[in-house]
Amino acid sequence: MQQDTPHFTQWRDFAAQLADEAAEQARTMVRAGITADTKSNGTVVTDVDHVIERFLRGRIGAAYPGHAILGEEFGQTGTISPDVPLWCLDPVDGTANLANGLPLWCISIGVVYGDRAVAGVVNAPMMNDVYAGALGHGATYNGKSLPPLDAGGELGSEEAYIVCSTTARRMDFGRLTAKLRILGSAALDLCYVAAGQAKGCQCACTSLYDLAAGLCLTEEVGARSVWLESGASYRPMAHLAAGANCDVTLMTAPEGTLRYLRERLG
């Protein structure tokens, strides 16, 4: 398989356009009043999740009929393999925040190709924040280039480290001096790491569609993602095959910070 890097920026730009349109739709729905329900797994879902994913699927399918799509609400369409671009859609990442009237939620569109996250856009409609990136072409926050992250290391007492609610309930963070934050959106967690707004983040129970876009951004600025328990590097296709496993924890940070975190939490 030959990786055609011009395609990565084209996919990023198309995703950014879609996310802008989807964000406007979502804001309109929120202003009018959303409806919420509960899935069979006990998590909340809203009409915004369904409407936005249908919109994204329709536009992507029309523009790239040979590509595969994986979405939170409507599953998989097309053939998934490293040789086929896979669009990973989370129409609302942070649905519980949305359902409770909190602004920390986003539309996440990522593309995985060749077992790499090669393009990604995360749009937070209620905050007018847009993060975007493409493999080999850097990452941006509201149109401004994000600089490379430093090597990292021990976390200071006033530095932010983002955790998810699952790991907060299960793990002992007593050996960390950082300010722990639970924000409720894995995609935005990764964006905040990419932008240097947090020194790292960790999550469990996530699926590929939660992470693909954000992981493209973090990799472009020099952060890595590894599994806490094994130290193995993150691989999208392996994660897809394994599914949302709550017994393993994915950590994303610069290399020096990862070493420190694994020493303290492993």
C-alpha atoms as a PDB file:
ATOM      1  CA  MET A   1       0.000   0.000   0.000  1.00  0.00           C
ATOM      2  CA  GLN A   2       1.331   3.438  -0.941  1.00  0.00           C
ATOM      3  CA  GLN A   3       0.380   6.297   1.326  1.00  0.00           C
ATOM      4  CA  ASP A   4      -0.580   9.292  -0.767  1.00  0.00           C
ATOM      5  CA  THR A   5      -0.045  12.268   1.535  1.00  0.00           C
ATOM      6  CA  PRO A   6      -1.939  14.811  -0.611  1.00  0.00           C
ATOM      7  CA  HIS A   7      -5.045  12.761   0.120  1.00  0.00           C
ATOM      8  CA  PHE A   8      -4.548  13.310   3.833  1.00  0.00           C
ATOM      9  CA  THR A   9      -4.953  17.084   3.571  1.00  0.00           C
ATOM     10  CA  GLN A  10      -7.904  16.671   1.205  1.00  0.00           C
ATOM     11  CA  TRP A  11      -9.617  14.394   3.700  1.00  0.00           C
ATOM     12  CA  ARG A  12      -8.832  16.814   6.529  1.00  0.00           C
ATOM     13  CA  ASP A  13     -10.256  19.766   4.604  1.00  0.00           C
ATOM     14  CA  PHE A  14     -13.381  17.837   3.633  1.00  0.00           C
ATOM     15  CA  ALA A  15     -13.847  16.740   7.248  1.00  0.00           C
ATOM     16  CA  ALA A  16     -13.448  20.334   8.422  1.00  0.00           C
ATOM     17  CA  GLN A  17     -16.142  21.512   6.014  1.00  0.00           C
ATOM     18  CA  LEU A  18     -18.497  18.742   7.123  1.00  0.00           C
ATOM     19  CA  ALA A  19     -17.828  19.442  10.789  1.00  0.00           C
ATOM     20  CA  ASP A  20     -18.594  23.141  10.300  1.00  0.00           C
ATOM     21  CA  GLU A  21     -21.925  22.330   8.676  1.00  0.00           C
ATOM     22  CA  ALA A  22     -22.720  19.697  11.290  1.00  0.00           C
ATOM     23  CA  ALA A  23     -21.843  22.106  14.102  1.00  0.00           C
ATOM     24  CA  GLU A  24     -24.353  24.642  12.807  1.00  0.00           C
ATOM     25  CA  GLN A  25     -27.025  21.968  12.629  1.00  0.00           C
ATOM     26  CA  ALA A  26     -26.223  20.846  16.155  1.00  0.00           C
ATOM     27  CA  ARG A  27     -26.331  24.373  17.573  1.00  0.00           C
ATOM     28  CA  THR A  28     -29.738  24.919  15.957  1.00  0.00           C
ATOM     29  CA  MET A  29     -31.050  21.709  17.507  1.00  0.00           C
ATOM     30  CA  VAL A  30     -29.704  22.611  20.941  1.00  0.00           C
ATOM     31  CA  ARG A  31     -31.350  26.032  20.821  1.00  0.00           C
ATOM     32  CA  ALA A  32     -34.680  24.421  19.868  1.00  0.00           C
ATOM     33  CA  GLY A  33     -34.390  21.815  22.629  1.00  0.00           C
ATOM     34  CA  ILE A  34     -32.974  18.331  22.334  1.00  0.00           C
ATOM     35  CA  THR A  35     -34.502  14.984  23.237  1.00  0.00           C
ATOM     36  CA  ALA A  36     -32.556  12.310  25.096  1.00  0.00           C
ATOM     37  CA  ASP A  37     -32.987   8.575  25.554  1.00  0.00           C
ATOM     38  CA  THR A  38     -31.034   5.703  27.078  1.00  0.00           C
ATOM     39  CA  LYS A  39     -29.248   3.022  25.068  1.00  0.00           C
ATOM     40  CA  SER A  40     -29.317  -0.651  25.969  1.00  0.00           C
ATOM     41  CA  ASN A  41     -25.884  -0.256  27.597  1.00  0.00           C
ATOM     42  CA  GLY A  42     -27.204   2.429  29.922  1.00  0.00           C
ATOM     43  CA  THR A  43     -25.524   5.409  28.248  1.00  0.00           C
ATOM     44  CA  VAL A  44     -27.423   8.445  27.071  1.00  0.00           C
ATOM     45  CA  VAL A  45     -28.101   9.284  23.419  1.00  0.00           C
ATOM     46  CA  THR A  46     -29.791  12.353  21.927  1.00  0.00           C
ATOM     47  CA  ASP A  47     -31.504  13.227  18.688  1.00  0.00           C
ATOM     48  CA  VAL A  48     -28.428  15.322  17.870  1.00  0.00           C
ATOM     49  CA  ASP A  49     -26.270  12.153  17.823  1.00  0.00           C
ATOM     50  CA  HIS A  50     -28.568  10.504  15.284  1.00  0.00           C
ATOM     51  CA  VAL A  51     -29.138  13.502  13.024  1.00  0.00           C
ATOM     52  CA  ILE A  52     -25.475  14.467  12.837  1.00  0.00           C
ATOM     53  CA  GLU A  53     -24.214  10.957  12.146  1.00  0.00           C
ATOM     54  CA  ARG A  54     -26.769  10.481   9.355  1.00  0.00           C
ATOM     55  CA  PHE A  55     -25.673  13.789   7.832  1.00  0.00           C
ATOM     56  CA  LEU A  56     -21.967  12.896   7.992  1.00  0.00           C
ATOM     57  CA  ARG A  57     -22.516   9.412   6.579  1.00  0.00           C
ATOM     58  CA  GLY A  58     -24.538  10.729   3.673  1.00  0.00           C
ATOM     59  CA  ARG A  59     -21.961  13.301   2.651  1.00  0.00           C
ATOM     60  CA  ILE A  60     -18.958  11.007   3.078  1.00  0.00           C
ATOM     61  CA  GLY A  61     -20.651   8.162   1.242  1.00  0.00           C
ATOM     62  CA  ALA A  62     -21.457  10.440  -1.680  1.00  0.00           C
ATOM     63  CA  ALA A  63     -17.948  11.906  -1.881  1.00  0.00           C
ATOM     64  CA  TYR A  64     -15.996   8.687  -1.220  1.00  0.00           C
ATOM     65  CA  PRO A  65     -18.165   5.686  -2.111  1.00  0.00           C
ATOM     66  CA  GLY A  66     -15.224   3.282  -1.919  1.00  0.00           C
ATOM     67  CA  HIS A  67     -14.320   4.228   1.639  1.00  0.00           C
ATOM     68  CA  ALA A  68     -15.543   2.528   4.817  1.00  0.00           C
ATOM     69  CA  ILE A  69     -17.364   4.277   7.653  1.00  0.00           C
ATOM     70  CA  LEU A  70     -17.474   3.464  11.361  1.00  0.00           C
ATOM     71  CA  GLY A  71     -19.807   5.467  13.566  1.00  0.00           C
ATOM     72  CA  GLU A  72     -20.943   5.291  17.156  1.00  0.00           C
ATOM     73  CA  GLU A  73     -24.656   5.231  16.424  1.00  0.00           C
ATOM     74  CA  PHE A  74     -24.976   3.223  13.207  1.00  0.00           C
ATOM     75  CA  GLY A  75     -21.944   0.961  13.173  1.00  0.00           C
ATOM     76  CA  GLN A  76     -19.887  -0.095  10.169  1.00  0.00           C
ATOM     77  CA  THR A  77     -20.451   0.226   6.450  1.00  0.00           C
ATOM     78  CA  GLY A  78     -18.004  -0.933   3.778  1.00  0.00           C
ATOM     79  CA  THR A  79     -14.982  -3.187   4.009  1.00  0.00           C
ATOM     80  CA  ILE A  80     -12.565  -2.408   6.823  1.00  0.00           C
ATOM     81  CA  SER A  81      -8.900  -3.145   6.107  1.00  0.00           C
ATOM     82  CA  PRO A  82      -5.615  -1.187   6.302  1.00  0.00           C
ATOM     83  CA  ASP A  83      -5.837  -0.635   2.520  1.00  0.00           C
ATOM     84  CA  VAL A  84      -9.241   1.082   2.666  1.00  0.00           C
ATOM     85  CA  PRO A  85      -9.673   4.569   4.182  1.00  0.00           C
ATOM     86  CA  LEU A  86     -11.915   4.315   7.223  1.00  0.00           C
ATOM     87  CA  TRP A  87     -13.911   7.347   8.345  1.00  0.00           C
ATOM     88  CA  CYS A  88     -14.419   7.221  12.122  1.00  0.00           C
ATOM     89  CA  LEU A  89     -17.387   9.272  13.292  1.00  0.00           C
ATOM     90  CA  ASP A  90     -18.454  10.296  16.739  1.00  0.00           C
ATOM     91  CA  PRO A  91     -21.316  12.689  16.033  1.00  0.00           C
ATOM     92  CA  VAL A  92     -21.380  13.829  19.656  1.00  0.00           C
ATOM     93  CA  ASP A  93     -18.426  12.911  21.823  1.00  0.00           C
ATOM     94  CA  GLY A  94     -19.470  13.913  25.307  1.00  0.00           C
ATOM     95  CA  THR A  95     -23.174  13.151  24.958  1.00  0.00           C
ATOM     96  CA  ALA A  96     -23.705  13.150  28.727  1.00  0.00           C
ATOM     97  CA  ASN A  97     -22.364  16.710  28.815  1.00  0.00           C
ATOM     98  CA  LEU A  98     -24.715  17.730  26.015  1.00  0.00           C
ATOM     99  CA  ALA A  99     -27.697  16.076  27.706  1.00  0.00           C
ATOM    100  CA  ASN A 100     -26.897  17.926  30.937  1.00  0.00           C
ATOM    101  CA  GLY A 101     -26.481  21.313  29.272  1.00  0.00           C
ATOM    102  CA  LEU A 102     -22.692  21.448  29.517  1.00  0.00           C
ATOM    103  CA  PRO A 103     -20.755  22.852  26.524  1.00  0.00           C
ATOM    104  CA  LEU A 104     -17.892  20.305  26.601  1.00  0.00           C
ATOM    105  CA  TRP A 105     -18.900  18.103  23.683  1.00  0.00           C
ATOM    106  CA  CYS A 106     -17.766  17.859  20.102  1.00  0.00           C
ATOM    107  CA  ILE A 107     -18.158  16.412  16.637  1.00  0.00           C
ATOM    108  CA  SER A 108     -15.213  14.130  15.874  1.00  0.00           C
ATOM    109  CA  ILE A 109     -14.265  12.997  12.351  1.00  0.00           C
ATOM    110  CA  GLY A 110     -11.113  10.959  11.853  1.00  0.00           C
ATOM    111  CA  VAL A 111      -9.671   8.969   8.970  1.00  0.00           C
ATOM    112  CA  VAL A 112      -7.626   5.818   9.525  1.00  0.00           C
ATOM    113  CA  TYR A 113      -5.537   4.451   6.658  1.00  0.00           C
ATOM    114  CA  GLY A 114      -2.647   2.025   6.685  1.00  0.00           C
ATOM    115  CA  ASP A 115      -3.239   1.484  10.422  1.00  0.00           C
ATOM    116  CA  ARG A 116      -2.522   5.164  11.117  1.00  0.00           C
ATOM    117  CA  ALA A 117      -4.779   8.064  12.023  1.00  0.00           C
ATOM    118  CA  VAL A 118      -4.017  10.208   8.972  1.00  0.00           C
ATOM    119  CA  ALA A 119      -6.583  13.024   9.185  1.00  0.00           C
ATOM    120  CA  GLY A 120      -8.780  14.406  11.906  1.00  0.00           C
ATOM    121  CA  VAL A 121     -11.100  17.252  12.816  1.00  0.00           C
ATOM    122  CA  VAL A 122     -12.680  17.918  16.197  1.00  0.00           C
ATOM    123  CA  ASN A 123     -15.277  20.695  16.321  1.00  0.00           C
ATOM    124  CA  ALA A 124     -16.750  21.856  19.639  1.00  0.00           C
ATOM    125  CA  PRO A 125     -19.904  23.714  18.500  1.00  0.00           C
ATOM    126  CA  MET A 126     -20.822  25.455  21.750  1.00  0.00           C
ATOM    127  CA  MET A 127     -17.300  26.799  22.246  1.00  0.00           C
ATOM    128  CA  ASN A 128     -16.497  27.600  18.599  1.00  0.00           C
ATOM    129  CA  ASP A 129     -13.279  25.610  18.844  1.00  0.00           C
ATOM    130  CA  VAL A 130     -11.919  23.618  15.917  1.00  0.00           C
ATOM    131  CA  TYR A 131      -8.875  21.343  16.006  1.00  0.00           C
ATOM    132  CA  ALA A 132      -7.611  19.798  12.766  1.00  0.00           C
ATOM    133  CA  GLY A 133      -4.647  17.824  11.479  1.00  0.00           C
ATOM    134  CA  ALA A 134      -3.251  15.580   8.779  1.00  0.00           C
ATOM    135  CA  LEU A 135      -0.391  13.117   8.947  1.00  0.00           C
ATOM    136  CA  GLY A 136       2.840  14.871   8.009  1.00  0.00           C
ATOM    137  CA  HIS A 137       1.147  18.274   7.790  1.00  0.00           C
ATOM    138  CA  GLY A 138       0.866  19.347  11.407  1.00  0.00           C
ATOM    139  CA  ALA A 139      -2.104  20.269  13.569  1.00  0.00           C
ATOM    140  CA  THR A 140      -4.040  23.485  14.108  1.00  0.00           C
ATOM    141  CA  TYR A 141      -6.292  25.074  16.704  1.00  0.00           C
ATOM    142  CA  ASN A 142      -8.776  27.576  15.260  1.00  0.00           C
ATOM    143  CA  GLY A 143      -6.582  27.862  12.189  1.00  0.00           C
ATOM    144  CA  LYS A 144      -3.310  28.503  14.004  1.00  0.00           C
ATOM    145  CA  SER A 145      -0.512  25.949  13.840  1.00  0.00           C
ATOM    146  CA  LEU A 146       0.194  24.038  17.026  1.00  0.00           C
ATOM    147  CA  PRO A 147       3.892  23.882  17.948  1.00  0.00           C
ATOM    148  CA  PRO A 148       5.667  20.638  18.832  1.00  0.00           C
ATOM    149  CA  LEU A 149       5.349  19.613  22.462  1.00  0.00           C
ATOM    150  CA  ASP A 150       8.414  19.407  24.678  1.00  0.00           C
ATOM    151  CA  ALA A 151       9.667  16.042  25.904  1.00  0.00           C
ATOM    152  CA  GLY A 152       7.736  16.305  29.156  1.00  0.00           C
ATOM    153  CA  GLY A 153       8.540  14.621  32.430  1.00  0.00           C
ATOM    154  CA  GLU A 154       7.317  14.842  36.016  1.00  0.00           C
ATOM    155  CA  LEU A 155       4.029  16.697  36.391  1.00  0.00           C
ATOM    156  CA  GLY A 156       3.880  19.738  38.629  1.00  0.00           C
ATOM    157  CA  SER A 157       1.196  20.416  41.198  1.00  0.00           C
ATOM    158  CA  GLU A 158      -0.526  23.042  39.025  1.00  0.00           C
ATOM    159  CA  GLU A 159      -0.338  21.140  35.730  1.00  0.00           C
ATOM    160  CA  ALA A 160      -3.441  19.474  34.318  1.00  0.00           C
ATOM    161  CA  TYR A 161      -3.706  15.748  33.683  1.00  0.00           C
ATOM    162  CA  ILE A 162      -7.015  14.566  32.225  1.00  0.00           C
ATOM    163  CA  VAL A 163      -8.567  11.263  33.295  1.00  0.00           C
ATOM    164  CA  CYS A 164     -11.858   9.582  32.469  1.00  0.00           C
ATOM    165  CA  SER A 165     -14.512   8.709  35.024  1.00  0.00           C
ATOM    166  CA  THR A 166     -13.847   4.964  34.649  1.00  0.00           C
ATOM    167  CA  THR A 167     -10.164   5.222  35.559  1.00  0.00           C
ATOM    168  CA  ALA A 168     -10.884   7.801  38.252  1.00  0.00           C
ATOM    169  CA  ARG A 169     -13.062   5.215  40.001  1.00  0.00           C
ATOM    170  CA  ARG A 170     -10.592   2.347  39.593  1.00  0.00           C
ATOM    171  CA  MET A 171      -7.106   3.807  39.992  1.00  0.00           C
ATOM    172  CA  ASP A 172      -5.124   5.347  42.827  1.00  0.00           C
ATOM    173  CA  PHE A 173      -3.738   8.705  41.729  1.00  0.00           C
ATOM    174  CA  GLY A 174      -2.161   9.473  45.104  1.00  0.00           C
ATOM    175  CA  ARG A 175       1.365   9.413  43.663  1.00  0.00           C
ATOM    176  CA  LEU A 176       0.533  12.100  41.089  1.00  0.00           C
ATOM    177  CA  THR A 177       0.822  15.719  42.119  1.00  0.00           C
ATOM    178  CA  ALA A 178      -0.901  17.066  38.987  1.00  0.00           C
ATOM    179  CA  LYS A 179      -4.342  18.640  38.889  1.00  0.00           C
ATOM    180  CA  LEU A 180      -6.685  15.838  37.790  1.00  0.00           C
ATOM    181  CA  ARG A 181      -9.491  16.801  35.450  1.00  0.00           C
ATOM    182  CA  ILE A 182     -12.515  14.792  34.241  1.00  0.00           C
ATOM    183  CA  LEU A 183     -14.002  16.544  31.214  1.00  0.00           C
ATOM    184  CA  GLY A 184     -16.208  13.865  29.654  1.00  0.00           C
ATOM    185  CA  SER A 185     -14.982  13.833  26.046  1.00  0.00           C
ATOM    186  CA  ALA A 186     -12.066  11.664  24.952  1.00  0.00           C
ATOM    187  CA  ALA A 187     -11.752  13.534  21.667  1.00  0.00           C
ATOM    188  CA  LEU A 188     -11.459  16.905  23.391  1.00  0.00           C
ATOM    189  CA  ASP A 189      -9.085  15.434  25.985  1.00  0.00           C
ATOM    190  CA  LEU A 190      -6.689  14.564  23.162  1.00  0.00           C
ATOM    191  CA  CYS A 191      -7.089  17.996  21.602  1.00  0.00           C
ATOM    192  CA  TYR A 192      -6.183  19.678  24.869  1.00  0.00           C
ATOM    193  CA  VAL A 193      -3.030  17.563  25.056  1.00  0.00           C
ATOM    194  CA  ALA A 194      -2.152  18.458  21.450  1.00  0.00           C
ATOM    195  CA  ALA A 195      -2.612  22.157  22.200  1.00  0.00           C
ATOM    196  CA  GLY A 196      -0.500  21.988  25.359  1.00  0.00           C
ATOM    197  CA  GLN A 197      -3.518  22.802  27.528  1.00  0.00           C
ATOM    198  CA  ALA A 198      -3.022  19.543  29.440  1.00  0.00           C
ATOM    199  CA  LYS A 199       0.168  17.578  29.979  1.00  0.00           C
ATOM    200  CA  GLY A 200      -1.445  14.250  29.164  1.00  0.00           C
ATOM    201  CA  CYS A 201      -4.646  12.253  29.297  1.00  0.00           C
ATOM    202  CA  GLN A 202      -5.876   8.734  29.809  1.00  0.00           C
ATOM    203  CA  CYS A 203      -9.051   6.838  29.007  1.00  0.00           C
ATOM    204  CA  ALA A 204     -10.689   3.421  29.175  1.00  0.00           C
ATOM    205  CA  CYS A 205     -13.853   1.983  27.601  1.00  0.00           C
ATOM    206  CA  THR A 206     -13.238   3.953  24.421  1.00  0.00           C
ATOM    207  CA  SER A 207     -13.746   2.887  20.805  1.00  0.00           C
ATOM    208  CA  LEU A 208     -11.821   3.807  17.676  1.00  0.00           C
ATOM    209  CA  TYR A 209     -14.407   6.392  16.651  1.00  0.00           C
ATOM    210  CA  ASP A 210     -13.804   8.239  19.950  1.00  0.00           C
ATOM    211  CA  LEU A 211     -10.082   8.575  19.373  1.00  0.00           C
ATOM    212  CA  ALA A 212      -9.147   8.575  15.683  1.00  0.00           C
ATOM    213  CA  ALA A 213      -9.386  12.314  15.062  1.00  0.00           C
ATOM    214  CA  GLY A 214      -7.695  13.373  18.277  1.00  0.00           C
ATOM    215  CA  LEU A 215      -4.871  10.861  17.925  1.00  0.00           C
ATOM    216  CA  CYS A 216      -3.954  12.318  14.547  1.00  0.00           C
ATOM    217  CA  LEU A 217      -3.516  15.699  16.256  1.00  0.00           C
ATOM    218  CA  THR A 218      -1.464  14.450  19.189  1.00  0.00           C
ATOM    219  CA  GLU A 219       0.887  12.486  16.956  1.00  0.00           C
ATOM    220  CA  GLU A 220       1.496  15.536  14.796  1.00  0.00           C
ATOM    221  CA  VAL A 221       2.803  17.530  17.773  1.00  0.00           C
ATOM    222  CA  GLY A 222       4.944  14.753  19.212  1.00  0.00           C
ATOM    223  CA  ALA A 223       2.788  12.971  21.792  1.00  0.00           C
ATOM    224  CA  ARG A 224       2.512   9.180  21.853  1.00  0.00           C
ATOM    225  CA  SER A 225      -0.304   6.880  22.904  1.00  0.00           C
ATOM    226  CA  VAL A 226       0.475   3.653  24.768  1.00  0.00           C
ATOM    227  CA  TRP A 227      -1.434   1.138  26.843  1.00  0.00           C
ATOM    228  CA  LEU A 228      -0.617   1.599  30.523  1.00  0.00           C
ATOM    229  CA  GLU A 229      -0.654  -2.097  31.345  1.00  0.00           C
ATOM    230  CA  SER A 230       1.645  -3.344  28.549  1.00  0.00           C
ATOM    231  CA  GLY A 231       3.452  -0.238  27.347  1.00  0.00           C
ATOM    232  CA  ALA A 232       2.546  -1.225  23.774  1.00  0.00           C
ATOM    233  CA  SER A 233       1.973   1.543  21.256  1.00  0.00           C
ATOM    234  CA  TYR A 234      -1.595   2.218  20.154  1.00  0.00           C
ATOM    235  CA  ARG A 235      -2.660   0.643  16.847  1.00  0.00           C
ATOM    236  CA  PRO A 236      -6.073   1.589  15.417  1.00  0.00           C
ATOM    237  CA  MET A 237      -6.831  -1.756  13.779  1.00  0.00           C
ATOM    238  CA  ALA A 238      -5.956  -3.703  16.920  1.00  0.00           C
ATOM    239  CA  HIS A 239      -8.198  -1.423  18.958  1.00  0.00           C
ATOM    240  CA  LEU A 240     -11.029  -1.876  16.483  1.00  0.00           C
ATOM    241  CA  ALA A 241     -10.705  -5.645  16.723  1.00  0.00           C
ATOM    242  CA  ALA A 242     -10.578  -5.583  20.528  1.00  0.00           C
ATOM    243  CA  GLY A 243     -13.458  -3.150  20.985  1.00  0.00           C
ATOM    244  CA  ALA A 244     -14.120  -0.915  23.976  1.00  0.00           C
ATOM    245  CA  ASN A 245     -12.218  -2.728  26.729  1.00  0.00           C
ATOM    246  CA  CYS A 246     -12.663  -1.150  30.152  1.00  0.00           C
ATOM    247  CA  ASP A 247      -9.846  -3.220  31.655  1.00  0.00           C
ATOM    248  CA  VAL A 248      -7.045  -1.445  29.784  1.00  0.00           C
ATOM    249  CA  THR A 249      -6.074   2.212  29.888  1.00  0.00           C
ATOM    250  CA  LEU A 250      -4.763   4.284  27.008  1.00  0.00           C
ATOM    251  CA  MET A 251      -2.360   7.090  27.933  1.00  0.00           C
ATOM    252  CA  THR A 252      -1.379   9.967  25.635  1.00  0.00           C
ATOM    253  CA  ALA A 253       1.473  12.358  26.420  1.00  0.00           C
ATOM    254  CA  PRO A 254       4.995  13.310  25.333  1.00  0.00           C
ATOM    255  CA  GLU A 255       7.586  10.578  25.837  1.00  0.00           C
ATOM    256  CA  GLY A 256       9.061  11.883  29.082  1.00  0.00           C
ATOM    257  CA  THR A 257       5.633  12.298  30.639  1.00  0.00           C
ATOM    258  CA  LEU A 258       4.618   8.797  29.584  1.00  0.00           C
ATOM    259  CA  ARG A 259       7.643   7.349  31.393  1.00  0.00           C
ATOM    260  CA  TYR A 260       6.774   9.287  34.531  1.00  0.00           C
ATOM    261  CA  LEU A 261       3.098   8.266  34.382  1.00  0.00           C
ATOM    262  CA  ARG A 262       3.829   4.585  33.870  1.00  0.00           C
ATOM    263  CA  GLU A 263       6.239   4.655  36.825  1.00  0.00           C
ATOM    264  CA  ARG A 264       3.602   6.223  39.063  1.00  0.00           C
ATOM    265  CA  LEU A 265       0.481   4.439  37.796  1.00  0.00           C
ATOM    266  CA  GLY A 266       1.721   1.151  36.339  1.00  0.00           C
END
